[in-house]
Protein backbone atom coordinates (compact mmCIF):
# COMPACT_ATOMS: atom_id res chain seq x y z
CA UNK A 1 148.67 89.67 225.93
CA UNK A 2 150.24 90.49 229.19
CA UNK A 3 151.40 93.84 230.45
CA UNK A 4 152.78 95.05 233.76
CA UNK A 5 150.97 97.59 235.78
CA UNK A 6 153.92 99.93 235.22
CA UNK A 7 153.65 99.51 231.46
CA UNK A 8 149.96 100.46 231.53
CA UNK A 9 150.72 103.46 233.70
CA UNK A 10 153.24 104.56 231.03
CA UNK A 11 150.66 104.33 228.28
CA UNK A 12 148.20 106.46 230.39
CA UNK A 13 150.82 108.93 231.70
CA UNK A 14 149.83 107.82 235.18
CA UNK A 15 151.70 106.99 238.37
CA UNK A 16 151.63 103.64 240.21
CA UNK A 17 150.78 103.32 243.85
CA UNK A 18 151.62 99.71 244.80
CA UNK A 19 153.38 96.87 242.97
CA UNK A 20 154.23 98.11 239.41
CA UNK A 21 155.51 94.63 238.46
CA UNK A 22 152.10 92.93 238.66
CA UNK A 23 150.99 91.46 235.43
CA UNK A 24 147.50 91.93 233.94
CA UNK A 25 146.04 90.33 230.80
CA UNK A 26 142.41 91.55 230.65
CA UNK A 27 140.06 94.42 231.36
CA UNK A 28 137.09 94.10 233.68
CA UNK A 29 134.40 95.98 235.65
CA UNK A 30 135.52 96.85 239.15
CA UNK A 31 132.72 94.96 240.76
CA UNK A 32 133.43 91.79 238.73
CA UNK A 33 137.23 91.86 238.34
CA UNK A 34 139.48 89.05 239.43
CA UNK A 35 143.27 88.66 239.70
CA UNK A 36 144.95 89.52 236.44
CA UNK A 37 142.45 92.18 235.49
CA UNK A 38 142.65 95.97 235.37
CA UNK A 39 139.56 98.00 236.23
CA UNK A 40 138.77 101.72 236.74
CA UNK A 41 136.88 103.88 239.20
CA UNK A 42 135.19 107.02 237.95
CA UNK A 43 131.71 107.10 239.44
CA UNK A 44 131.81 107.73 243.23
CA UNK A 45 128.90 105.26 243.66
CA UNK A 46 131.29 102.43 242.85
CA UNK A 47 133.96 103.43 245.35
CA UNK A 48 132.97 100.69 247.82
CA UNK A 49 134.03 98.11 245.23
CA UNK A 50 137.55 99.56 245.29
CA UNK A 51 138.14 98.10 248.76
CA UNK A 52 136.82 94.69 247.87
CA UNK A 53 137.72 94.18 244.21
CA UNK A 54 139.79 91.27 243.10
CA UNK A 55 141.40 93.28 240.33
CA UNK A 56 145.19 93.44 240.19
CA UNK A 57 145.13 97.09 239.35
CA UNK A 58 142.53 99.87 239.29
CA UNK A 59 142.77 103.19 237.44
CA UNK A 60 141.71 106.01 239.80
CA UNK A 61 141.83 109.78 240.05
CA UNK A 62 145.06 111.46 241.23
CA UNK A 63 142.92 113.29 243.80
CA UNK A 64 141.09 110.25 245.25
CA UNK A 65 141.51 109.96 248.96
CA UNK A 66 141.35 106.36 250.28
CA UNK A 67 138.96 105.60 253.11
CA UNK A 68 140.27 102.05 253.59
CA UNK A 69 143.33 100.01 252.59
CA UNK A 70 143.25 98.50 249.15
CA UNK A 71 144.91 95.31 247.88
CA UNK A 72 145.03 96.32 244.21
CA UNK A 73 147.79 98.45 242.75
CA UNK A 74 146.46 101.92 241.92
CA UNK A 75 147.23 103.71 238.58
CA UNK A 76 146.54 107.38 239.31
CA UNK A 77 145.56 109.57 236.32
CA UNK A 78 143.92 112.96 235.79
CA UNK A 79 140.65 111.51 234.56
CA UNK A 80 139.93 107.73 235.18
CA UNK A 81 137.15 107.49 232.60
CA UNK A 82 139.31 108.99 229.81
CA UNK A 83 142.26 106.92 231.04
CA UNK A 84 140.29 103.71 230.76
CA UNK A 85 138.94 104.72 227.34
CA UNK A 86 142.61 105.25 226.25
CA UNK A 87 143.48 101.81 227.57
CA UNK A 88 140.52 100.24 225.65
CA UNK A 89 141.81 101.94 222.46
CA UNK A 90 145.29 100.58 223.18
CA UNK A 91 143.88 97.10 223.73
CA UNK A 92 141.81 97.32 220.52
CA UNK A 93 144.83 98.31 218.50
CA UNK A 94 146.63 95.17 219.64
CA UNK A 95 143.73 92.83 218.95
CA UNK A 96 143.37 94.28 215.43
CA UNK A 97 147.07 94.25 214.72
CA UNK A 98 146.95 90.63 213.60
CA UNK A 99 144.53 91.40 210.82
CA UNK A 100 146.87 91.90 207.86
CA UNK A 101 147.15 90.61 204.32
CA UNK A 102 144.56 89.27 201.91
CA UNK A 103 142.22 86.36 202.26
CA UNK A 104 140.88 84.61 199.12
CA UNK A 105 138.62 84.83 197.34
CA UNK A 106 138.53 88.62 197.24
CA UNK A 107 138.36 91.12 194.38
CA UNK A 108 140.02 94.42 193.46
CA UNK A 109 138.95 96.19 190.24
CA UNK A 110 141.33 97.66 187.64
CA UNK A 111 142.88 101.02 188.40
CA UNK A 112 142.48 100.64 192.20
CA UNK A 113 145.39 101.34 194.55
CA UNK A 114 145.57 99.79 198.04
CA UNK A 115 148.05 100.93 200.69
CA UNK A 116 150.39 98.71 202.73
CA UNK A 117 149.69 97.09 206.08
CA UNK A 118 146.01 96.68 205.32
CA UNK A 119 143.64 93.67 205.45
CA UNK A 120 141.04 92.40 202.98
CA UNK A 121 138.86 89.62 204.22
CA UNK A 122 137.44 86.79 202.16
CA UNK A 123 134.62 87.75 199.69
CA UNK A 124 135.37 91.41 200.09
CA UNK A 125 135.00 93.57 196.91
CA UNK A 126 136.77 96.72 195.86
CA UNK A 127 135.58 98.31 192.67
CA UNK A 128 137.43 100.11 189.86
CA UNK A 129 139.68 103.18 190.35
CA UNK A 130 139.51 103.26 194.14
CA UNK A 131 142.14 104.78 196.41
CA UNK A 132 142.47 102.81 199.66
CA UNK A 133 144.89 104.23 202.22
CA UNK A 134 147.53 102.57 204.35
CA UNK A 135 146.42 100.26 207.09
CA UNK A 136 142.79 100.06 205.98
CA UNK A 137 140.91 96.94 207.31
CA UNK A 138 138.22 95.56 205.04
CA UNK A 139 136.36 92.66 206.62
CA UNK A 140 134.67 89.75 204.83
CA UNK A 141 131.71 90.49 202.54
CA UNK A 142 132.29 94.24 202.60
CA UNK A 143 131.61 95.98 199.31
CA UNK A 144 133.28 99.12 198.11
CA UNK A 145 132.02 100.60 194.80
CA UNK A 146 133.89 102.29 192.02
CA UNK A 147 135.88 105.45 192.50
CA UNK A 148 135.76 105.46 196.29
CA UNK A 149 138.50 107.06 198.36
CA UNK A 150 139.22 105.80 201.88
CA UNK A 151 141.80 107.32 204.28
CA UNK A 152 144.41 105.48 206.23
CA UNK A 153 143.56 103.40 209.28
CA UNK A 154 139.83 103.22 208.50
CA UNK A 155 137.98 100.05 209.30
CA UNK A 156 135.14 98.66 207.14
CA UNK A 157 133.38 95.82 209.05
CA UNK A 158 131.75 92.74 207.55
CA UNK A 159 128.82 93.27 205.22
CA UNK A 160 129.08 97.06 204.97
CA UNK A 161 128.10 98.46 201.58
CA UNK A 162 129.90 101.53 200.33
CA UNK A 163 128.46 102.89 197.13
CA UNK A 164 130.38 104.38 194.22
CA UNK A 165 132.14 107.78 194.60
CA UNK A 166 131.99 107.80 198.37
CA UNK A 167 134.82 109.60 200.16
CA UNK A 168 135.80 108.39 203.64
CA UNK A 169 138.49 110.03 205.70
CA UNK A 170 141.19 108.59 207.94
CA UNK A 171 140.54 106.52 211.03
CA UNK A 172 136.83 106.11 210.39
CA UNK A 173 134.87 103.09 211.53
CA UNK A 174 131.98 101.69 209.44
CA UNK A 175 130.19 98.94 211.32
CA UNK A 176 128.62 95.82 209.94
CA UNK A 177 125.61 96.20 207.68
CA UNK A 178 125.89 99.96 207.21
CA UNK A 179 124.96 101.37 203.85
CA UNK A 180 126.76 104.49 202.68
CA UNK A 181 125.74 106.27 199.53
CA UNK A 182 122.38 104.65 198.65
CA UNK A 183 119.92 106.74 196.62
CA UNK A 184 118.18 109.60 198.35
CA UNK A 185 114.42 109.41 198.61
CA UNK A 186 113.61 111.65 195.65
CA UNK A 187 110.49 111.14 193.55
CA UNK A 188 108.58 113.68 191.38
CA UNK A 189 104.82 113.42 191.48
CA UNK A 190 103.24 113.07 188.03
CA UNK A 191 99.85 114.35 186.74
CA UNK A 192 98.47 110.76 186.81
CA UNK A 193 99.33 110.36 190.50
CA UNK A 194 102.41 108.17 189.95
CA UNK A 195 105.95 109.12 191.00
CA UNK A 196 109.04 109.49 188.80
CA UNK A 197 112.41 108.77 190.35
CA UNK A 198 114.79 111.78 190.52
CA UNK A 199 118.27 110.69 189.67
CA UNK A 200 120.59 110.97 192.68
CA UNK A 201 124.01 111.90 191.20
CA UNK A 202 125.79 113.17 194.27
CA UNK A 203 127.85 111.32 196.88
CA UNK A 204 128.61 110.94 200.53
CA UNK A 205 131.60 112.45 202.32
CA UNK A 206 132.74 111.24 205.76
CA UNK A 207 135.54 113.32 207.20
CA UNK A 208 138.27 111.95 209.54
CA UNK A 209 137.42 110.02 212.77
CA UNK A 210 133.75 109.50 211.92
CA UNK A 211 132.01 106.38 213.29
CA UNK A 212 128.96 104.89 211.61
CA UNK A 213 126.92 102.27 213.51
CA UNK A 214 125.64 98.92 212.45
CA UNK A 215 122.80 98.98 209.90
CA UNK A 216 122.90 102.76 209.70
CA UNK A 217 122.07 104.25 206.26
CA UNK A 218 123.38 107.45 204.70
CA UNK A 219 121.90 108.55 201.43
CA UNK A 220 123.89 110.16 198.64
CA UNK A 221 123.07 113.70 197.64
CA UNK A 222 120.75 114.52 194.76
CA UNK A 223 123.58 116.87 193.69
CA UNK A 224 126.71 117.73 195.60
CA UNK A 225 127.42 115.78 198.82
CA UNK A 226 125.80 114.44 202.00
CA UNK A 227 128.47 115.32 204.59
CA UNK A 228 129.34 113.96 208.00
CA UNK A 229 132.05 116.14 209.39
CA UNK A 230 135.09 115.33 211.55
CA UNK A 231 134.65 113.31 214.68
CA UNK A 232 130.92 112.75 214.50
CA UNK A 233 129.45 109.49 215.80
CA UNK A 234 126.33 107.91 214.27
CA UNK A 235 124.72 105.09 216.21
CA UNK A 236 123.11 101.89 214.92
CA UNK A 237 119.92 102.08 212.87
CA UNK A 238 120.15 105.78 212.02
CA UNK A 239 118.77 107.13 208.76
CA UNK A 240 120.42 110.27 207.24
CA UNK A 241 118.79 111.49 204.09
CA UNK A 242 120.21 113.09 200.95
CA UNK A 243 122.08 116.39 201.17
CA UNK A 244 122.12 116.39 204.99
CA UNK A 245 125.16 118.02 206.60
CA UNK A 246 126.13 117.01 210.15
CA UNK A 247 128.74 119.20 211.86
CA UNK A 248 131.88 118.26 213.77
CA UNK A 249 131.74 116.08 216.84
CA UNK A 250 128.01 115.71 216.84
CA UNK A 251 126.41 112.40 218.12
CA UNK A 252 123.23 110.85 216.78
CA UNK A 253 121.70 107.99 218.79
CA UNK A 254 119.90 104.91 217.60
CA UNK A 255 116.66 104.99 215.52
CA UNK A 256 116.95 108.70 214.74
CA UNK A 257 116.05 110.06 211.31
CA UNK A 258 117.20 113.19 209.61
CA UNK A 259 115.25 114.38 206.55
CA UNK A 260 116.74 115.78 203.39
CA UNK A 261 118.80 118.97 203.23
CA UNK A 262 118.81 119.50 206.97
CA UNK A 263 122.00 120.95 208.48
CA UNK A 264 122.98 119.95 212.00
CA UNK A 265 125.58 122.11 213.74
CA UNK A 266 128.78 121.25 215.58
CA UNK A 267 128.76 119.49 219.00
CA UNK A 268 125.05 118.66 218.78
CA UNK A 269 123.37 115.73 220.57
CA UNK A 270 120.42 113.90 219.07
CA UNK A 271 119.15 111.27 221.50
CA UNK A 272 117.33 108.07 220.50
CA UNK A 273 114.39 108.13 218.15
CA UNK A 274 114.69 111.83 217.33
CA UNK A 275 113.11 113.01 214.07
CA UNK A 276 114.22 116.11 212.21
CA UNK A 277 112.09 117.52 209.36
CA UNK A 278 113.71 118.48 206.08
CA UNK A 279 115.48 121.78 205.14
CA UNK A 280 116.10 122.77 208.81
CA UNK A 281 119.20 124.24 210.46
CA UNK A 282 120.21 123.37 214.04
CA UNK A 283 122.60 125.71 215.71
CA UNK A 284 125.82 124.49 217.34
CA UNK A 285 125.52 122.62 220.62
CA UNK A 286 121.79 121.93 220.23
CA UNK A 287 120.57 118.99 222.27
CA UNK A 288 117.38 117.18 221.41
CA UNK A 289 116.02 114.65 223.91
CA UNK A 290 114.75 111.19 223.11
CA UNK A 291 111.64 110.68 220.96
CA UNK A 292 111.44 114.31 220.06
CA UNK A 293 110.35 115.65 216.71
CA UNK A 294 111.82 118.96 215.45
CA UNK A 295 109.84 120.79 212.76
CA UNK A 296 111.50 124.15 212.60
CA UNK A 297 115.08 125.57 212.62
CA UNK A 298 116.96 126.29 215.83
CA UNK A 299 118.96 129.56 215.65
CA UNK A 300 120.20 129.98 219.24
CA UNK A 301 123.37 128.07 220.17
CA UNK A 302 123.09 125.69 223.18
CA UNK A 303 119.32 125.11 222.93
CA UNK A 304 117.76 122.11 224.61
CA UNK A 305 114.66 120.75 222.95
CA UNK A 306 112.06 118.18 224.05
CA UNK A 307 108.73 116.93 222.88
CA UNK A 308 106.83 116.31 219.57
CA UNK A 309 106.74 118.88 218.29
CA UNK A 310 109.90 119.80 220.20
CA UNK A 311 110.29 123.12 222.00
CA UNK A 312 112.45 124.66 224.70
CA UNK A 313 113.29 122.04 227.36
CA UNK A 314 112.40 124.30 230.38
CA UNK A 315 108.99 125.14 228.88
CA UNK A 316 108.44 121.48 227.95
CA UNK A 317 109.10 120.36 231.53
CA UNK A 318 106.69 122.98 232.80
CA UNK A 319 104.03 121.84 230.27
CA UNK A 320 104.56 118.20 231.28
CA UNK A 321 104.10 119.16 235.02
CA UNK A 322 100.81 120.88 234.15
CA UNK A 323 99.73 117.92 232.00
CA UNK A 324 100.25 115.53 234.95
CA UNK A 325 97.91 117.64 237.08
CA UNK A 326 95.13 117.97 234.44
CA UNK A 327 92.73 115.49 236.15
CA UNK A 328 93.02 117.39 239.43
CA UNK A 329 92.59 120.73 237.64
CA UNK A 330 89.50 119.35 235.85
CA UNK A 331 87.98 118.33 239.23
CA UNK A 332 88.63 121.70 240.72
CA UNK A 333 87.19 123.45 237.68
CA UNK A 334 83.99 121.37 237.88
CA UNK A 335 83.70 122.12 241.59
CA UNK A 336 83.95 125.83 240.92
CA UNK A 337 81.34 125.64 238.15
CA UNK A 338 78.94 123.82 240.41
CA UNK A 339 79.47 126.35 243.17
CA UNK A 340 78.81 129.13 240.72
CA UNK A 341 75.58 127.38 239.50
CA UNK A 342 74.07 127.16 243.00
CA UNK A 343 73.98 130.94 243.75
CA UNK A 344 72.59 131.50 240.27
CA UNK A 345 69.80 129.02 240.96
CA UNK A 346 69.07 130.65 244.36
CA UNK A 347 68.69 134.08 242.77
CA UNK A 348 66.25 132.87 240.18
CA UNK A 349 64.01 131.32 242.90
């Protein structure tokens, strides 16, 4: 796929500085780009590459002042990072556009309705009485259980497993190997020490524009729904337990785990390997740093947490600073104790 620099500028609402007729056919990093590629400059640390890059075009800020001549055409936009992201989305739409129709063998159960302009890959399975929206892409070996509803433009990648009664909004992305709607971890202890499974009769609801990473797992609710609200992004290898609710535009990084019935607010950030105990509430815009464990609710909006158990970031940094100096503090304490012992010994003699 080839585009002119001028066409790309039109997509990004940018302006061209240089030859708008140059043709590009790929995206590349500014330090690695060659002729025919378009790159971007957002981080000032990479500005020296602007003057030596082989790219045919570079997306830059409207306010960037050049320190040297450049050979590449410049596409000036308000925010180069967001501009390049928009270009990646544009490119992705074109690469996916060819995925249409039905590959065989594939299966659709009775009572299911599938919208136009979609794709179903070989060995994909759609259960009974499902409602699949327009332009949904279902890749090979994906499984969608009975009575599921999936909004238009959603993508279900290869090998994803969507259990019965799951509701998925529009323009969601479910990556390979993800499991949506498996049983919550509910077992009732018995007098003899054994455990009796508690039926998990709820479902999972993903609102619009949600992304679920590869091999992530989201359990259905015991009753009601486990809910991931609009725009939230869940990374690979994340575990979300039954009856959890994650607010709008929250991000959860890889290997994090959220225990049952916890409610995470809007615009929160959970970094890698974060663990949340059950039945907690995290206020909006809470940020939890990597490898932290949260054991109690957070009520104040905009809180930063760190540590295991996690507590206020500023206090945690102070505590870590003290911890690093503990050996020196111990030596000083022992020295003071010895100095105190000597006068005591002199008085006794």
